């Protein structure tokens, strides 16, 4: 590491993009992953679609029970 760095030509916010979306990883238990994989294979879709559908259903249930 250098003792000093020259930031005289630096540009603030050069790499900042507010419209950028981050997809954070979600780590599932083996049992849950196997369950989702089984449903995804039966419906000929991917695990993300199945997980999103299940979570949306839970969200609707949670809204009703509030």
PDB file of N, CA and C in Angstrom:
ATOM      1  N   UNK A   1       0.836  -1.174   0.000  1.00  0.00           N
ATOM      2  CA  UNK A   1       0.000   0.000   0.000  1.00  0.00           C
ATOM      3  C   UNK A   1       0.885   1.243   0.000  1.00  0.00           C
ATOM      4  N   UNK A   2       0.505   2.216  -0.791  1.00  0.00           N
ATOM      5  CA  UNK A   2       1.289   3.443  -0.873  1.00  0.00           C
ATOM      6  C   UNK A   2       1.093   4.278   0.385  1.00  0.00           C
ATOM      7  N   UNK A   3       2.066   5.113   0.666  1.00  0.00           N
ATOM      8  CA  UNK A   3       1.956   6.044   1.790  1.00  0.00           C
ATOM      9  C   UNK A   3       0.904   7.104   1.506  1.00  0.00           C
ATOM     10  N   UNK A   4       0.843   7.562   0.245  1.00  0.00           N
ATOM     11  CA  UNK A   4      -0.106   8.607  -0.146  1.00  0.00           C
ATOM     12  C   UNK A   4      -0.703   8.280  -1.507  1.00  0.00           C
ATOM     13  N   UNK A   5      -1.931   8.679  -1.710  1.00  0.00           N
ATOM     14  CA  UNK A   5      -2.610   8.499  -2.982  1.00  0.00           C
ATOM     15  C   UNK A   5      -3.023   9.858  -3.507  1.00  0.00           C
ATOM     16  N   UNK A   6      -2.949  10.030  -4.826  1.00  0.00           N
ATOM     17  CA  UNK A   6      -3.294  11.308  -5.445  1.00  0.00           C
ATOM     18  C   UNK A   6      -4.745  11.250  -5.943  1.00  0.00           C
ATOM     19  N   UNK A   7      -5.620  11.976  -5.286  1.00  0.00           N
ATOM     20  CA  UNK A   7      -7.029  12.050  -5.673  1.00  0.00           C
ATOM     21  C   UNK A   7      -7.363  13.381  -6.346  1.00  0.00           C
ATOM     22  N   UNK A   8      -6.369  14.096  -6.832  1.00  0.00           N
ATOM     23  CA  UNK A   8      -6.605  15.417  -7.412  1.00  0.00           C
ATOM     24  C   UNK A   8      -7.458  15.345  -8.692  1.00  0.00           C
ATOM     25  N   UNK A   9      -7.428  14.234  -9.391  1.00  0.00           N
ATOM     26  CA  UNK A   9      -8.214  14.090 -10.620  1.00  0.00           C
ATOM     27  C   UNK A   9      -9.434  13.192 -10.406  1.00  0.00           C
ATOM     28  N   UNK A  10      -9.751  12.940  -9.164  1.00  0.00           N
ATOM     29  CA  UNK A  10     -10.887  12.066  -8.854  1.00  0.00           C
ATOM     30  C   UNK A  10     -12.206  12.755  -9.181  1.00  0.00           C
ATOM     31  N   UNK A  11     -13.199  11.961  -9.456  1.00  0.00           N
ATOM     32  CA  UNK A  11     -14.531  12.470  -9.787  1.00  0.00           C
ATOM     33  C   UNK A  11     -15.538  11.826  -8.832  1.00  0.00           C
ATOM     34  N   UNK A  12     -16.173  12.653  -8.015  1.00  0.00           N
ATOM     35  CA  UNK A  12     -17.124  12.149  -7.029  1.00  0.00           C
ATOM     36  C   UNK A  12     -18.354  11.559  -7.719  1.00  0.00           C
ATOM     37  N   UNK A  13     -18.735  10.360  -7.281  1.00  0.00           N
ATOM     38  CA  UNK A  13     -19.937   9.729  -7.799  1.00  0.00           C
ATOM     39  C   UNK A  13     -19.802   9.111  -9.182  1.00  0.00           C
ATOM     40  N   UNK A  14     -18.609   8.955  -9.656  1.00  0.00           N
ATOM     41  CA  UNK A  14     -18.390   8.444 -11.010  1.00  0.00           C
ATOM     42  C   UNK A  14     -19.016   7.065 -11.223  1.00  0.00           C
ATOM     43  N   UNK A  15     -18.962   6.220 -10.229  1.00  0.00           N
ATOM     44  CA  UNK A  15     -19.467   4.856 -10.371  1.00  0.00           C
ATOM     45  C   UNK A  15     -20.798   4.648  -9.673  1.00  0.00           C
ATOM     46  N   UNK A  16     -21.402   5.718  -9.176  1.00  0.00           N
ATOM     47  CA  UNK A  16     -22.689   5.624  -8.493  1.00  0.00           C
ATOM     48  C   UNK A  16     -23.811   5.649  -9.516  1.00  0.00           C
ATOM     49  N   UNK A  17     -24.673   4.642  -9.464  1.00  0.00           N
ATOM     50  CA  UNK A  17     -25.820   4.547 -10.355  1.00  0.00           C
ATOM     51  C   UNK A  17     -27.052   4.235  -9.519  1.00  0.00           C
ATOM     52  N   UNK A  18     -27.871   5.241  -9.209  1.00  0.00           N
ATOM     53  CA  UNK A  18     -29.006   5.024  -8.308  1.00  0.00           C
ATOM     54  C   UNK A  18     -30.051   4.049  -8.837  1.00  0.00           C
ATOM     55  N   UNK A  19     -30.111   3.845 -10.146  1.00  0.00           N
ATOM     56  CA  UNK A  19     -31.107   2.950 -10.721  1.00  0.00           C
ATOM     57  C   UNK A  19     -30.670   1.481 -10.669  1.00  0.00           C
ATOM     58  N   UNK A  20     -29.458   1.222 -10.232  1.00  0.00           N
ATOM     59  CA  UNK A  20     -28.943  -0.138 -10.164  1.00  0.00           C
ATOM     60  C   UNK A  20     -29.676  -0.927  -9.087  1.00  0.00           C
ATOM     61  N   UNK A  21     -30.119  -2.140  -9.451  1.00  0.00           N
ATOM     62  CA  UNK A  21     -30.786  -3.020  -8.505  1.00  0.00           C
ATOM     63  C   UNK A  21     -29.820  -4.128  -8.101  1.00  0.00           C
ATOM     64  N   UNK A  22     -29.791  -4.407  -6.825  1.00  0.00           N
ATOM     65  CA  UNK A  22     -28.956  -5.490  -6.331  1.00  0.00           C
ATOM     66  C   UNK A  22     -29.815  -6.705  -6.055  1.00  0.00           C
ATOM     67  N   UNK A  23     -29.385  -7.843  -6.527  1.00  0.00           N
ATOM     68  CA  UNK A  23     -30.051  -9.097  -6.210  1.00  0.00           C
ATOM     69  C   UNK A  23     -29.206  -9.817  -5.171  1.00  0.00           C
ATOM     70  N   UNK A  24     -29.669  -9.754  -3.944  1.00  0.00           N
ATOM     71  CA  UNK A  24     -28.932 -10.369  -2.862  1.00  0.00           C
ATOM     72  C   UNK A  24     -29.197 -11.869  -2.829  1.00  0.00           C
ATOM     73  N   UNK A  25     -28.171 -12.647  -2.516  1.00  0.00           N
ATOM     74  CA  UNK A  25     -28.380 -14.095  -2.462  1.00  0.00           C
ATOM     75  C   UNK A  25     -29.236 -14.477  -1.260  1.00  0.00           C
ATOM     76  N   UNK A  26     -30.026 -15.506  -1.438  1.00  0.00           N
ATOM     77  CA  UNK A  26     -30.851 -16.039  -0.365  1.00  0.00           C
ATOM     78  C   UNK A  26     -30.408 -17.480  -0.152  1.00  0.00           C
ATOM     79  N   UNK A  27     -30.077 -17.811   1.076  1.00  0.00           N
ATOM     80  CA  UNK A  27     -29.598 -19.146   1.381  1.00  0.00           C
ATOM     81  C   UNK A  27     -30.717 -19.936   2.039  1.00  0.00           C
ATOM     82  N   UNK A  28     -31.072 -21.064   1.434  1.00  0.00           N
ATOM     83  CA  UNK A  28     -32.179 -21.876   1.905  1.00  0.00           C
ATOM     84  C   UNK A  28     -31.661 -23.137   2.575  1.00  0.00           C
ATOM     85  N   UNK A  29     -32.443 -23.630   3.531  1.00  0.00           N
ATOM     86  CA  UNK A  29     -32.141 -24.924   4.126  1.00  0.00           C
ATOM     87  C   UNK A  29     -32.285 -25.998   3.058  1.00  0.00           C
ATOM     88  N   UNK A  30     -31.591 -27.105   3.248  1.00  0.00           N
ATOM     89  CA  UNK A  30     -31.632 -28.183   2.258  1.00  0.00           C
ATOM     90  C   UNK A  30     -33.048 -28.699   2.037  1.00  0.00           C
ATOM     91  N   UNK A  31     -33.805 -28.817   3.114  1.00  0.00           N
ATOM     92  CA  UNK A  31     -35.180 -29.311   3.029  1.00  0.00           C
ATOM     93  C   UNK A  31     -36.050 -28.372   2.194  1.00  0.00           C
ATOM     94  N   UNK A  32     -35.895 -27.070   2.422  1.00  0.00           N
ATOM     95  CA  UNK A  32     -36.677 -26.075   1.693  1.00  0.00           C
ATOM     96  C   UNK A  32     -36.270 -26.065   0.223  1.00  0.00           C
ATOM     97  N   UNK A  33     -34.997 -26.129  -0.037  1.00  0.00           N
ATOM     98  CA  UNK A  33     -34.502 -26.143  -1.410  1.00  0.00           C
ATOM     99  C   UNK A  33     -35.031 -27.365  -2.170  1.00  0.00           C
ATOM    100  N   UNK A  34     -35.001 -28.520  -1.537  1.00  0.00           N
ATOM    101  CA  UNK A  34     -35.508 -29.738  -2.173  1.00  0.00           C
ATOM    102  C   UNK A  34     -37.000 -29.608  -2.474  1.00  0.00           C
ATOM    103  N   UNK A  35     -37.746 -29.019  -1.545  1.00  0.00           N
ATOM    104  CA  UNK A  35     -39.181 -28.795  -1.735  1.00  0.00           C
ATOM    105  C   UNK A  35     -39.430 -27.901  -2.950  1.00  0.00           C
ATOM    106  N   UNK A  36     -38.692 -26.791  -3.036  1.00  0.00           N
ATOM    107  CA  UNK A  36     -38.851 -25.869  -4.160  1.00  0.00           C
ATOM    108  C   UNK A  36     -38.431 -26.505  -5.479  1.00  0.00           C
ATOM    109  N   UNK A  37     -37.355 -27.262  -5.459  1.00  0.00           N
ATOM    110  CA  UNK A  37     -36.896 -27.930  -6.677  1.00  0.00           C
ATOM    111  C   UNK A  37     -37.944 -28.916  -7.180  1.00  0.00           C
ATOM    112  N   UNK A  38     -38.548 -29.639  -6.259  1.00  0.00           N
ATOM    113  CA  UNK A  38     -39.571 -30.611  -6.638  1.00  0.00           C
ATOM    114  C   UNK A  38     -40.755 -29.920  -7.315  1.00  0.00           C
ATOM    115  N   UNK A  39     -41.228 -28.833  -6.733  1.00  0.00           N
ATOM    116  CA  UNK A  39     -42.346 -28.084  -7.319  1.00  0.00           C
ATOM    117  C   UNK A  39     -41.944 -27.504  -8.675  1.00  0.00           C
ATOM    118  N   UNK A  40     -40.729 -26.941  -8.750  1.00  0.00           N
ATOM    119  CA  UNK A  40     -40.260 -26.333  -9.998  1.00  0.00           C
ATOM    120  C   UNK A  40     -40.185 -27.368 -11.119  1.00  0.00           C
ATOM    121  N   UNK A  41     -39.698 -28.556 -10.806  1.00  0.00           N
ATOM    122  CA  UNK A  41     -39.608 -29.605 -11.824  1.00  0.00           C
ATOM    123  C   UNK A  41     -40.992 -30.042 -12.294  1.00  0.00           C
ATOM    124  N   UNK A  42     -41.924 -30.176 -11.352  1.00  0.00           N
ATOM    125  CA  UNK A  42     -43.281 -30.592 -11.714  1.00  0.00           C
ATOM    126  C   UNK A  42     -43.986 -29.555 -12.581  1.00  0.00           C
ATOM    127  N   UNK A  43     -43.711 -28.274 -12.326  1.00  0.00           N
ATOM    128  CA  UNK A  43     -44.346 -27.187 -13.085  1.00  0.00           C
ATOM    129  C   UNK A  43     -43.503 -26.716 -14.266  1.00  0.00           C
ATOM    130  N   UNK A  44     -42.355 -27.358 -14.487  1.00  0.00           N
ATOM    131  CA  UNK A  44     -41.464 -27.007 -15.588  1.00  0.00           C
ATOM    132  C   UNK A  44     -41.086 -25.523 -15.548  1.00  0.00           C
ATOM    133  N   UNK A  45     -40.655 -25.073 -14.381  1.00  0.00           N
ATOM    134  CA  UNK A  45     -40.245 -23.682 -14.192  1.00  0.00           C
ATOM    135  C   UNK A  45     -38.994 -23.655 -13.330  1.00  0.00           C
ATOM    136  N   UNK A  46     -38.543 -22.475 -12.949  1.00  0.00           N
ATOM    137  CA  UNK A  46     -37.345 -22.391 -12.114  1.00  0.00           C
ATOM    138  C   UNK A  46     -37.695 -22.151 -10.648  1.00  0.00           C
ATOM    139  N   UNK A  47     -36.709 -22.334  -9.805  1.00  0.00           N
ATOM    140  CA  UNK A  47     -36.908 -22.224  -8.354  1.00  0.00           C
ATOM    141  C   UNK A  47     -37.298 -20.802  -7.954  1.00  0.00           C
ATOM    142  N   UNK A  48     -36.726 -19.804  -8.593  1.00  0.00           N
ATOM    143  CA  UNK A  48     -37.042 -18.410  -8.257  1.00  0.00           C
ATOM    144  C   UNK A  48     -38.517 -18.104  -8.451  1.00  0.00           C
ATOM    145  N   UNK A  49     -39.072 -18.597  -9.535  1.00  0.00           N
ATOM    146  CA  UNK A  49     -40.495 -18.372  -9.812  1.00  0.00           C
ATOM    147  C   UNK A  49     -41.361 -19.011  -8.737  1.00  0.00           C
ATOM    148  N   UNK A  50     -41.027 -20.233  -8.363  1.00  0.00           N
ATOM    149  CA  UNK A  50     -41.792 -20.936  -7.331  1.00  0.00           C
ATOM    150  C   UNK A  50     -41.684 -20.206  -5.998  1.00  0.00           C
ATOM    151  N   UNK A  51     -40.465 -19.812  -5.626  1.00  0.00           N
ATOM    152  CA  UNK A  51     -40.266 -19.113  -4.357  1.00  0.00           C
ATOM    153  C   UNK A  51     -41.037 -17.799  -4.336  1.00  0.00           C
ATOM    154  N   UNK A  52     -40.999 -17.043  -5.431  1.00  0.00           N
ATOM    155  CA  UNK A  52     -41.731 -15.776  -5.498  1.00  0.00           C
ATOM    156  C   UNK A  52     -43.236 -15.986  -5.374  1.00  0.00           C
ATOM    157  N   UNK A  53     -43.752 -17.019  -6.027  1.00  0.00           N
ATOM    158  CA  UNK A  53     -45.188 -17.299  -5.945  1.00  0.00           C
ATOM    159  C   UNK A  53     -45.593 -17.645  -4.507  1.00  0.00           C
ATOM    160  N   UNK A  54     -44.798 -18.476  -3.847  1.00  0.00           N
ATOM    161  CA  UNK A  54     -45.108 -18.856  -2.463  1.00  0.00           C
ATOM    162  C   UNK A  54     -45.040 -17.649  -1.519  1.00  0.00           C
ATOM    163  N   UNK A  55     -44.050 -16.823  -1.709  1.00  0.00           N
ATOM    164  CA  UNK A  55     -43.908 -15.641  -0.848  1.00  0.00           C
ATOM    165  C   UNK A  55     -45.040 -14.655  -1.105  1.00  0.00           C
ATOM    166  N   UNK A  56     -45.431 -14.473  -2.364  1.00  0.00           N
ATOM    167  CA  UNK A  56     -46.564 -13.572  -2.663  1.00  0.00           C
ATOM    168  C   UNK A  56     -47.846 -14.074  -2.012  1.00  0.00           C
ATOM    169  N   UNK A  57     -48.046 -15.392  -2.032  1.00  0.00           N
ATOM    170  CA  UNK A  57     -49.217 -15.978  -1.377  1.00  0.00           C
ATOM    171  C   UNK A  57     -49.174 -15.705   0.121  1.00  0.00           C
ATOM    172  N   UNK A  58     -48.005 -15.880   0.730  1.00  0.00           N
ATOM    173  CA  UNK A  58     -47.857 -15.588   2.156  1.00  0.00           C
ATOM    174  C   UNK A  58     -48.091 -14.111   2.450  1.00  0.00           C
ATOM    175  N   UNK A  59     -47.670 -13.238   1.542  1.00  0.00           N
ATOM    176  CA  UNK A  59     -47.885 -11.802   1.729  1.00  0.00           C
ATOM    177  C   UNK A  59     -49.385 -11.486   1.739  1.00  0.00           C
ATOM    178  N   UNK A  60     -50.132 -12.116   0.833  1.00  0.00           N
ATOM    179  CA  UNK A  60     -51.585 -11.892   0.790  1.00  0.00           C
ATOM    180  C   UNK A  60     -52.254 -12.400   2.064  1.00  0.00           C
ATOM    181  N   UNK A  61     -51.827 -13.550   2.540  1.00  0.00           N
ATOM    182  CA  UNK A  61     -52.362 -14.086   3.786  1.00  0.00           C
ATOM    183  C   UNK A  61     -52.052 -13.159   4.954  1.00  0.00           C
ATOM    184  N   UNK A  62     -50.836 -12.636   4.987  1.00  0.00           N
ATOM    185  CA  UNK A  62     -50.441 -11.736   6.064  1.00  0.00           C
ATOM    186  C   UNK A  62     -51.270 -10.446   6.040  1.00  0.00           C
ATOM    187  N   UNK A  63     -51.587  -9.941   4.850  1.00  0.00           N
ATOM    188  CA  UNK A  63     -52.403  -8.724   4.738  1.00  0.00           C
ATOM    189  C   UNK A  63     -53.812  -8.967   5.276  1.00  0.00           C
ATOM    190  N   UNK A  64     -54.345 -10.136   4.998  1.00  0.00           N
ATOM    191  CA  UNK A  64     -55.705 -10.461   5.444  1.00  0.00           C
ATOM    192  C   UNK A  64     -55.752 -10.598   6.965  1.00  0.00           C
ATOM    193  N   UNK A  65     -54.720 -11.139   7.547  1.00  0.00           N
ATOM    194  CA  UNK A  65     -54.718 -11.401   8.996  1.00  0.00           C
ATOM    195  C   UNK A  65     -54.329 -10.186   9.819  1.00  0.00           C
ATOM    196  N   UNK A  66     -53.961  -9.100   9.210  1.00  0.00           N
ATOM    197  CA  UNK A  66     -53.574  -7.887   9.964  1.00  0.00           C
ATOM    198  C   UNK A  66     -54.742  -7.283  10.681  1.00  0.00           C
TER     199      UNK A  66
END
